[in-house]
Protein backbone atom coordinates (compact mmCIF):
# COMPACT_ATOMS: atom_id res chain seq x y z
CA MET A 1 35.19 55.85 4.97
CA SER A 2 34.39 53.22 2.36
CA ARG A 3 37.09 52.14 -0.06
CA LEU A 4 34.88 53.05 -2.99
CA LEU A 5 34.46 56.53 -1.82
CA LYS A 6 38.24 56.88 -1.19
CA LEU A 7 38.87 55.48 -4.62
CA GLY A 8 36.58 58.08 -6.10
CA GLN A 9 38.17 60.83 -4.11
CA ASN A 10 41.63 59.84 -5.32
CA ILE A 11 40.38 59.79 -8.95
CA LYS A 12 38.95 63.25 -8.38
CA HIS A 13 42.09 64.45 -6.84
CA TYR A 14 44.33 63.43 -9.76
CA ARG A 15 41.81 64.63 -12.31
CA LYS A 16 41.85 68.02 -10.79
CA MET A 17 45.75 67.95 -10.65
CA LYS A 18 45.60 67.55 -14.37
CA ASN A 19 43.10 70.42 -14.71
CA LEU A 20 40.45 68.15 -16.38
CA SER A 21 36.72 68.43 -15.84
CA GLN A 22 34.59 65.35 -15.41
CA ASN A 23 33.38 65.73 -18.98
CA GLU A 24 36.95 65.94 -20.32
CA LEU A 25 38.11 62.89 -18.52
CA ALA A 26 34.85 60.94 -19.31
CA GLU A 27 35.39 61.63 -22.91
CA MET A 28 39.06 60.46 -22.85
CA ILE A 29 38.08 57.14 -21.25
CA ASN A 30 34.76 56.67 -23.14
CA PHE A 31 32.58 57.06 -20.03
CA SER A 32 29.54 59.09 -19.43
CA ARG A 33 30.06 62.16 -17.20
CA GLU A 34 27.31 60.89 -15.02
CA HIS A 35 28.94 57.47 -14.49
CA LEU A 36 32.22 59.15 -13.70
CA ALA A 37 30.52 61.43 -11.08
CA CYS A 38 29.03 58.37 -9.39
CA VAL A 39 32.39 56.68 -9.34
CA GLU A 40 33.93 59.75 -7.82
CA THR A 41 31.35 59.87 -5.16
CA GLY A 42 31.66 56.19 -4.41
CA LYS A 43 28.06 55.28 -5.52
CA GLU A 44 29.11 53.03 -8.40
CA TYR A 45 31.71 50.41 -9.04
CA ILE A 46 34.31 50.59 -11.81
CA SER A 47 35.86 47.81 -13.79
CA LEU A 48 39.62 47.07 -13.40
CA ARG A 49 40.01 47.69 -17.09
CA LYS A 50 38.58 51.36 -16.74
CA LEU A 51 40.59 51.83 -13.64
CA PHE A 52 43.76 51.09 -15.63
CA LEU A 53 42.59 53.43 -18.37
CA ILE A 54 41.94 56.21 -15.87
CA ALA A 55 45.41 55.66 -14.29
CA ASP A 56 47.14 55.75 -17.69
CA THR A 57 45.13 58.79 -18.75
CA LEU A 58 45.95 60.71 -15.60
CA GLU A 59 49.53 59.56 -15.67
CA VAL A 60 49.45 58.08 -12.24
CA SER A 61 50.19 54.54 -10.98
CA LEU A 62 47.32 52.16 -10.17
CA SER A 63 48.63 52.17 -6.55
CA GLN A 64 48.21 55.95 -6.30
CA LEU A 65 44.59 55.48 -7.18
CA ILE A 66 43.95 52.60 -4.68
CA ASP A 67 45.82 54.23 -1.86
CA PHE A 68 43.20 54.06 0.83
CA GLU A 69 45.20 55.53 3.73
């Protein structure tokens, strides 16, 4: 499994733990829902700045999002 896909799966996992839809999270981080969907499926890259913002919004550490094991 690629690291991009695993990162996306981790974001999706923590998003669902917070009971947020893709739309809700996307609005909170000023992203389009479509772009967030592509990130969650490992089809698009994400900037480090946005990754920090997602971690802060989901109240998880960056290391939790980039745990590829």
